[in-house]
Amino acid sequence: MIDTVRSFVDHEVRPNVNAVEHANEYPEAWIEKMKEMGIFSLAIAEPWGYGGVSAEAYALITAELARGWMSLAGAMGGHSVVAKLIQAFGTQEQQDAYLPRMAEGELRATMALTEPGGGSDLQAIRTVAARDGDDYVINGSKTWITNARRSDLVALLVKTDPQAQPRHRGVSVLLVEKGPGFEVSRDLPKLGYKGVESCELSFTDFRVPATALLGAEEGHGFAQMMTGLETGRLQVASRSIGVGQAALDDAVRYAQERESMGRPIWKHQAVGHRLAAMAAKLEAARQLVLHAARTLDGGGRVDMEAGMAKYIASETAAEVALDAIRVHGGYGYSTEFEVERYYRDAPLMIVGEGTNEIQLDVIAKQLIARNRV
């Protein structure tokens, strides 16, 4: 599967991605090819999907997609998290209704957590789902929701009990499909991460049946979503590795082709040492991501490991992308070369799926919890 995706990226994506990205075009043909390859089934086990893949394979496949274009990895990231949530916490009816269609890519899914005033503080969300007979009535808004226009299923984080203390006990997840009162209000303009949409959502007296509640009981949504975000953060870390690898590959190739003072520029110590440092840092980040994936495969708790992987990999990707521009010199600042795209895409991984400051908070808490004095 990894080889298949690598071939797809090298032969179909990379030769054309610059034009598609600068036009901010939705990659319809590539998404259809990803469906055919089973990309949207990677996280879905039998009997609903094709059996899924290990977390390690999932990370490597994600990195290959991001090496071609980070937006392609983003197109399947939230979908995979929602699939994991439904498998882990959904009712039998929810699993049977959604997972087979999600595995085929017929039904695309995304998650909606972030709110305009909330940022990474998910316990402070204000979108409310009030019980009314056999329905929930939803009012509120979400922002920065990737794939919102083209996803037909949304795992929506809501307050079902705004008065609950502690606050997280009042949070639930609803599996909602679009209908009256659910509006995708606008696409947000972005520095990078082009092609796939990031939207604002608004809910005005939006009714969904009570069976939309993920699982059997209210009040478990925060813990459910935190479990899902372990996969999400591993996915973002893997995207970072892919972007960093693309930047390194381009820098290494350019350093051999470009000559200065009669020799390839990599032979100048300043450039050669920069390439060496880029490669070493990226490989260290990759091994940290794979360690987190293997820990997840082993059934262990990975909030600290995924947080570390996401933190180090995303910071490394941003640093390597900038170094690739340095290696290219003035040409690195040109839109004719792809390194400027890596530089624009990399910061998303620093602030997405929980900012890196949040990752450090998670790491610190787990560090103390696992090493009590």
Protein backbone atom coordinates (compact mmCIF):
# COMPACT_ATOMS: atom_id res chain seq x y z
CA MET A 1 0.00 0.00 0.00
CA ILE A 2 2.84 2.36 0.84
CA ASP A 3 4.52 1.60 -2.48
CA THR A 4 1.23 2.11 -4.35
CA VAL A 5 0.74 5.53 -2.76
CA ARG A 6 4.38 6.47 -3.40
CA SER A 7 3.96 5.62 -7.09
CA PHE A 8 0.73 7.63 -7.28
CA VAL A 9 2.47 10.63 -5.73
CA ASP A 10 5.54 10.45 -7.96
CA HIS A 11 3.76 9.85 -11.26
CA GLU A 12 0.46 11.72 -10.92
CA VAL A 13 0.67 14.29 -8.13
CA ARG A 14 4.13 15.82 -8.11
CA PRO A 15 4.32 16.60 -11.86
CA ASN A 16 1.11 18.65 -11.65
CA VAL A 17 0.67 19.82 -8.09
CA ASN A 18 2.22 23.28 -8.43
CA ALA A 19 -0.33 24.40 -11.02
CA VAL A 20 -3.25 22.91 -9.07
CA GLU A 21 -2.09 24.43 -5.78
CA HIS A 22 -1.55 27.93 -7.14
CA ALA A 23 -4.99 27.82 -8.79
CA ASN A 24 -6.46 26.69 -5.43
CA GLU A 25 -8.35 23.97 -7.30
CA TYR A 26 -10.10 21.13 -5.50
CA PRO A 27 -8.24 17.94 -6.54
CA GLU A 28 -11.33 15.97 -7.60
CA ALA A 29 -9.49 13.48 -9.81
CA TRP A 30 -6.87 12.73 -7.16
CA ILE A 31 -9.53 12.27 -4.47
CA GLU A 32 -11.32 9.78 -6.71
CA LYS A 33 -8.05 7.90 -7.22
CA MET A 34 -7.54 7.85 -3.44
CA LYS A 35 -10.98 6.28 -3.06
CA GLU A 36 -10.04 3.58 -5.58
CA MET A 37 -6.80 2.86 -3.71
CA GLY A 38 -8.68 2.42 -0.42
CA ILE A 39 -7.19 5.47 1.29
CA PHE A 40 -10.49 6.31 2.99
CA SER A 41 -10.66 2.78 4.42
CA LEU A 42 -7.24 2.82 6.06
CA ALA A 43 -8.68 3.22 9.56
CA ILE A 44 -11.77 0.99 9.11
CA ALA A 45 -11.64 -2.61 10.26
CA GLU A 46 -13.59 -5.58 9.01
CA PRO A 47 -16.45 -6.28 8.55
CA TRP A 48 -17.14 -2.67 7.51
CA GLY A 49 -13.90 -1.99 5.65
CA TYR A 50 -10.95 -3.84 4.19
CA GLY A 51 -9.40 -4.55 7.56
CA GLY A 52 -7.59 -1.30 8.15
CA VAL A 53 -3.81 -0.96 8.48
CA SER A 54 -1.46 -0.61 11.42
CA ALA A 55 -0.90 2.84 12.86
CA GLU A 56 2.69 2.63 11.59
CA ALA A 57 1.54 1.94 8.02
CA TYR A 58 -1.09 4.68 8.35
CA ALA A 59 1.62 7.15 9.37
CA LEU A 60 3.88 6.20 6.46
CA ILE A 61 1.03 6.38 3.93
CA THR A 62 0.02 9.79 5.27
CA ALA A 63 3.62 10.99 4.96
CA GLU A 64 3.76 9.83 1.33
CA LEU A 65 0.56 11.71 0.48
CA ALA A 66 1.90 14.84 2.18
CA ARG A 67 5.18 14.50 0.32
CA GLY A 68 3.13 14.93 -2.84
CA TRP A 69 0.78 17.59 -1.48
CA MET A 70 -0.07 18.17 2.14
CA SER A 71 -3.69 18.93 1.21
CA LEU A 72 -4.22 15.35 0.02
CA ALA A 73 -3.26 14.04 3.44
CA GLY A 74 -5.59 16.61 4.98
CA ALA A 75 -8.46 15.37 2.83
CA MET A 76 -8.39 12.00 4.60
CA GLY A 77 -7.23 13.04 8.09
CA GLY A 78 -10.49 14.03 9.78
CA HIS A 79 -12.28 11.23 7.95
CA SER A 80 -9.98 8.68 9.57
CA VAL A 81 -10.49 10.17 13.04
CA VAL A 82 -14.28 10.01 12.67
CA ALA A 83 -14.02 6.39 11.52
CA LYS A 84 -11.96 5.57 14.62
CA LEU A 85 -14.52 7.31 16.85
CA ILE A 86 -17.45 5.38 15.40
CA GLN A 87 -15.62 2.06 15.68
CA ALA A 88 -14.56 2.70 19.27
CA PHE A 89 -17.67 4.37 20.69
CA GLY A 90 -20.53 4.12 18.21
CA THR A 91 -23.58 1.93 18.55
CA GLN A 92 -23.94 -1.11 16.31
CA GLU A 93 -26.52 0.82 14.27
CA GLN A 94 -24.12 3.74 13.78
CA GLN A 95 -21.27 1.44 12.78
CA ASP A 96 -23.39 -0.44 10.26
CA ALA A 97 -24.96 2.72 8.85
CA TYR A 98 -21.79 4.76 8.33
CA LEU A 99 -18.62 2.67 8.21
CA PRO A 100 -19.20 0.66 5.00
CA ARG A 101 -19.94 3.83 3.01
CA MET A 102 -17.03 5.64 4.64
CA ALA A 103 -14.69 2.79 3.68
CA GLU A 104 -15.63 3.22 0.01
CA GLY A 105 -15.24 7.01 0.20
CA GLU A 106 -18.90 7.27 -0.82
CA LEU A 107 -19.55 9.01 2.50
CA ARG A 108 -16.87 11.52 3.50
CA ALA A 109 -16.62 12.58 7.13
CA THR A 110 -15.02 15.37 9.12
CA MET A 111 -14.96 16.55 12.73
CA ALA A 112 -16.06 19.96 13.98
CA LEU A 113 -14.44 21.02 17.24
CA THR A 114 -12.99 24.53 17.06
CA GLU A 115 -15.15 27.59 17.68
CA PRO A 116 -14.49 31.27 16.89
CA GLY A 117 -13.79 32.20 20.51
CA GLY A 118 -12.60 28.86 21.86
CA GLY A 119 -9.45 27.81 20.06
CA SER A 120 -7.84 24.84 21.78
CA ASP A 121 -10.02 25.05 24.92
CA LEU A 122 -12.57 22.45 23.86
CA GLN A 123 -14.25 22.39 27.28
CA ALA A 124 -15.27 26.03 26.70
CA ILE A 125 -17.32 25.35 23.56
CA ARG A 126 -20.63 27.20 23.28
CA THR A 127 -22.42 25.18 20.63
CA VAL A 128 -25.38 23.70 22.49
CA ALA A 129 -27.54 20.67 21.70
CA ALA A 130 -30.74 20.84 23.76
CA ARG A 131 -32.90 17.74 24.06
CA ASP A 132 -36.42 18.21 22.70
CA GLY A 133 -38.41 15.00 22.77
CA ASP A 134 -36.76 12.54 20.39
CA ASP A 135 -34.50 15.24 18.90
CA TYR A 136 -31.58 17.47 19.73
CA VAL A 137 -31.85 21.12 18.72
CA ILE A 138 -28.42 22.57 17.94
CA ASN A 139 -27.40 26.24 18.04
CA GLY A 140 -23.88 27.62 17.69
CA SER A 141 -20.95 27.86 15.30
CA LYS A 142 -17.66 26.20 14.39
CA THR A 143 -14.66 27.43 12.45
CA TRP A 144 -11.61 26.06 10.59
CA ILE A 145 -13.47 22.88 9.66
CA THR A 146 -11.58 21.08 6.90
CA ASN A 147 -13.55 19.37 4.11
CA ALA A 148 -16.78 20.84 5.46
CA ARG A 149 -18.41 21.37 2.07
CA ARG A 150 -17.61 17.95 0.68
CA SER A 151 -18.19 15.91 3.82
CA ASP A 152 -21.70 14.59 4.37
CA LEU A 153 -21.11 13.38 7.93
CA VAL A 154 -19.83 15.62 10.71
CA ALA A 155 -18.72 14.50 14.19
CA LEU A 156 -19.90 17.61 16.02
CA LEU A 157 -18.65 18.48 19.51
CA VAL A 158 -21.49 20.09 21.52
CA LYS A 159 -22.60 20.96 25.01
CA THR A 160 -25.51 18.75 25.99
CA ASP A 161 -25.37 20.00 29.61
CA PRO A 162 -24.01 23.56 29.82
CA GLN A 163 -24.28 23.55 33.63
CA ALA A 164 -22.23 20.40 34.20
CA GLN A 165 -19.25 20.52 36.54
CA PRO A 166 -16.53 19.76 35.77
CA ARG A 167 -17.23 21.23 32.35
CA HIS A 168 -16.07 18.24 30.32
CA ARG A 169 -18.93 16.15 31.72
CA GLY A 170 -21.38 18.28 29.78
CA VAL A 171 -19.76 17.64 26.39
CA SER A 172 -21.02 15.11 23.82
CA VAL A 173 -20.39 14.18 20.19
CA LEU A 174 -23.25 14.09 17.69
CA LEU A 175 -22.98 12.43 14.28
CA VAL A 176 -24.88 14.84 12.06
CA GLU A 177 -25.70 15.08 8.39
CA LYS A 178 -26.54 18.33 6.66
CA GLY A 179 -30.07 19.69 6.69
CA PRO A 180 -32.21 22.79 7.42
CA GLY A 181 -30.48 24.96 10.01
CA PHE A 182 -26.97 23.70 9.16
CA GLU A 183 -25.10 26.25 7.04
CA VAL A 184 -21.58 26.17 5.67
CA SER A 185 -21.27 29.94 5.75
CA ARG A 186 -17.92 30.64 4.08
CA ASP A 187 -14.54 29.26 3.08
CA LEU A 188 -11.68 30.83 4.99
CA PRO A 189 -8.77 32.28 2.97
CA LYS A 190 -5.46 30.64 3.88
CA LEU A 191 -1.72 31.15 3.52
CA GLY A 192 -1.25 27.54 2.43
CA TYR A 193 -3.19 24.26 2.66
CA LYS A 194 -4.88 25.14 -0.62
CA GLY A 195 -7.30 23.02 -2.61
CA VAL A 196 -9.26 21.57 0.30
CA GLU A 197 -11.67 23.92 1.99
CA SER A 198 -11.59 25.15 5.60
CA CYS A 199 -14.96 26.57 6.54
CA GLU A 200 -17.11 28.30 9.09
CA LEU A 201 -20.26 26.42 10.11
CA SER A 202 -23.37 27.83 11.74
CA PHE A 203 -26.26 25.99 13.38
CA THR A 204 -29.62 27.65 13.91
CA ASP A 205 -32.31 25.46 15.50
CA PHE A 206 -30.79 22.55 13.61
CA ARG A 207 -32.66 19.35 14.51
CA VAL A 208 -31.13 15.89 14.58
CA PRO A 209 -32.58 12.69 16.05
CA ALA A 210 -31.43 11.62 19.50
CA THR A 211 -29.88 8.56 17.85
CA ALA A 212 -27.22 10.90 16.46
CA LEU A 213 -25.50 10.83 19.88
CA LEU A 214 -22.20 8.97 19.56
CA GLY A 215 -22.56 5.99 21.86
CA ALA A 216 -25.31 5.35 24.37
CA GLU A 217 -24.88 8.16 26.93
CA GLU A 218 -24.36 11.91 26.99
CA GLY A 219 -21.34 13.50 28.65
CA HIS A 220 -18.57 11.34 27.22
CA GLY A 221 -17.76 13.48 24.19
CA PHE A 222 -14.65 15.16 25.57
CA ALA A 223 -12.97 11.85 26.46
CA GLN A 224 -14.09 10.33 23.14
CA MET A 225 -12.64 13.20 21.16
CA MET A 226 -9.37 13.19 23.12
CA THR A 227 -8.96 9.54 22.14
CA GLY A 228 -9.67 10.42 18.52
CA LEU A 229 -7.16 13.25 18.62
CA GLU A 230 -4.38 10.79 19.41
CA THR A 231 -4.87 9.48 15.87
CA GLY A 232 -5.37 13.04 14.59
CA ARG A 233 -2.10 14.26 16.08
CA LEU A 234 -0.25 11.25 14.75
CA GLN A 235 -1.71 12.10 11.34
CA VAL A 236 -0.57 15.73 11.55
CA ALA A 237 2.89 14.61 12.67
CA SER A 238 3.04 12.28 9.66
CA ARG A 239 2.00 15.10 7.34
CA SER A 240 4.89 17.11 8.78
CA ILE A 241 7.32 14.32 7.91
CA GLY A 242 5.99 14.24 4.36
CA VAL A 243 6.34 17.99 3.86
CA GLY A 244 9.80 17.95 5.43
CA GLN A 245 10.88 15.07 3.19
CA ALA A 246 9.69 16.89 0.07
CA ALA A 247 11.64 19.99 1.13
CA LEU A 248 14.78 17.96 1.84
CA ASP A 249 14.51 16.05 -1.45
CA ASP A 250 14.21 19.27 -3.45
CA ALA A 251 17.12 20.87 -1.59
CA VAL A 252 19.38 17.84 -2.12
CA ARG A 253 18.55 17.72 -5.84
CA TYR A 254 19.04 21.47 -6.33
CA ALA A 255 22.33 21.44 -4.42
CA GLN A 256 23.71 18.92 -6.93
CA GLU A 257 22.39 20.73 -10.02
CA ARG A 258 23.30 24.30 -9.06
CA GLU A 259 26.94 25.27 -9.40
CA SER A 260 28.80 28.13 -7.81
CA MET A 261 32.50 28.92 -8.20
CA GLY A 262 32.91 25.98 -10.51
CA ARG A 263 31.44 23.22 -8.38
CA PRO A 264 28.02 21.97 -7.13
CA ILE A 265 26.92 24.07 -4.20
CA TRP A 266 26.61 21.07 -1.85
CA LYS A 267 30.41 20.90 -1.88
CA HIS A 268 30.52 24.31 -0.22
CA GLN A 269 30.64 23.48 3.47
CA ALA A 270 27.92 25.96 4.43
CA VAL A 271 25.42 24.24 2.12
CA GLY A 272 26.63 20.68 2.74
CA HIS A 273 26.38 21.06 6.50
CA ARG A 274 22.93 22.60 6.21
CA LEU A 275 21.72 19.61 4.18
CA ALA A 276 23.26 17.22 6.71
CA ALA A 277 21.52 18.97 9.61
CA MET A 278 18.19 18.98 7.75
CA ALA A 279 18.44 15.24 7.10
CA ALA A 280 19.44 14.38 10.67
CA LYS A 281 16.64 16.43 12.26
CA LEU A 282 14.04 15.03 9.87
CA GLU A 283 15.13 11.44 10.51
CA ALA A 284 14.95 12.00 14.28
CA ALA A 285 11.43 13.38 13.90
CA ARG A 286 10.42 10.44 11.70
CA GLN A 287 11.59 7.92 14.27
CA LEU A 288 9.64 9.72 16.99
CA VAL A 289 6.49 9.55 14.85
CA LEU A 290 7.03 5.85 14.18
CA HIS A 291 7.60 5.24 17.91
CA ALA A 292 4.23 6.85 18.69
CA ALA A 293 2.58 4.76 15.96
CA ARG A 294 4.09 1.52 17.24
CA THR A 295 3.01 2.36 20.78
CA LEU A 296 -0.54 2.87 19.50
CA ASP A 297 -0.34 -0.45 17.64
CA GLY A 298 0.69 -2.09 20.89
CA GLY A 299 -2.42 -0.87 22.65
CA GLY A 300 -0.63 1.64 24.84
CA ARG A 301 -1.71 5.12 25.83
CA VAL A 302 -0.16 7.58 23.39
CA ASP A 303 -1.33 11.06 24.34
CA MET A 304 2.21 11.99 25.42
CA GLU A 305 3.88 10.11 22.56
CA ALA A 306 1.55 11.57 19.92
CA GLY A 307 1.98 15.03 21.45
CA MET A 308 5.77 14.70 21.32
CA ALA A 309 5.67 13.44 17.74
CA LYS A 310 3.36 16.22 16.61
CA TYR A 311 5.42 18.89 18.39
CA ILE A 312 8.84 17.80 17.14
CA ALA A 313 7.75 16.81 13.62
CA SER A 314 5.85 20.03 12.93
CA GLU A 315 8.59 22.28 14.26
CA THR A 316 11.13 20.30 12.23
CA ALA A 317 9.05 20.54 9.05
CA ALA A 318 8.87 24.33 9.37
CA GLU A 319 12.61 24.56 9.99
CA VAL A 320 13.51 22.23 7.11
CA ALA A 321 11.17 24.09 4.75
CA LEU A 322 12.91 27.38 5.54
CA ASP A 323 16.33 25.75 5.15
CA ALA A 324 15.26 24.44 1.72
CA ILE A 325 14.59 28.03 0.69
CA ARG A 326 18.04 29.02 1.96
CA VAL A 327 19.63 26.27 -0.15
CA HIS A 328 17.73 27.47 -3.23
CA GLY A 329 18.73 31.08 -2.62
CA GLY A 330 16.63 33.58 -4.56
CA TYR A 331 14.95 30.82 -6.53
CA GLY A 332 13.50 29.48 -3.29
CA TYR A 333 11.42 32.62 -3.07
CA SER A 334 9.96 32.06 -6.52
CA THR A 335 6.58 30.43 -7.03
CA GLU A 336 8.11 28.49 -9.93
CA PHE A 337 9.86 26.28 -7.37
CA GLU A 338 7.91 24.15 -4.90
CA VAL A 339 9.92 24.95 -1.80
CA GLU A 340 7.91 28.13 -1.22
CA ARG A 341 4.77 25.94 -0.94
CA TYR A 342 6.34 23.78 1.75
CA TYR A 343 7.19 26.95 3.64
CA ARG A 344 3.52 28.05 3.44
CA ASP A 345 2.09 24.63 4.31
CA ALA A 346 4.32 23.71 7.25
CA PRO A 347 2.98 26.24 9.81
CA LEU A 348 -0.47 24.65 9.69
CA MET A 349 0.90 21.59 11.47
CA ILE A 350 2.26 23.80 14.26
CA VAL A 351 -1.15 25.29 15.06
CA GLY A 352 -3.51 22.54 13.82
CA GLU A 353 -4.98 19.65 15.85
CA GLY A 354 -4.07 21.48 19.04
CA THR A 355 -1.31 24.09 18.97
CA ASN A 356 2.20 23.03 19.90
CA GLU A 357 1.81 24.99 23.12
CA ILE A 358 -1.11 22.68 23.95
CA GLN A 359 1.08 19.67 23.07
CA LEU A 360 3.66 20.84 25.59
CA ASP A 361 0.93 21.12 28.21
CA VAL A 362 -0.23 17.57 27.46
CA ILE A 363 3.34 16.27 27.56
CA ALA A 364 4.08 17.99 30.88
CA LYS A 365 0.94 16.61 32.55
CA GLN A 366 1.64 13.09 31.35
CA LEU A 367 5.30 13.39 32.32
CA ILE A 368 4.27 14.10 35.91
CA ALA A 369 1.46 11.52 35.92
CA ARG A 370 3.85 8.79 34.78
CA ASN A 371 6.64 9.80 37.20
CA ARG A 372 4.87 10.59 40.45
CA VAL A 373 7.09 11.43 43.44
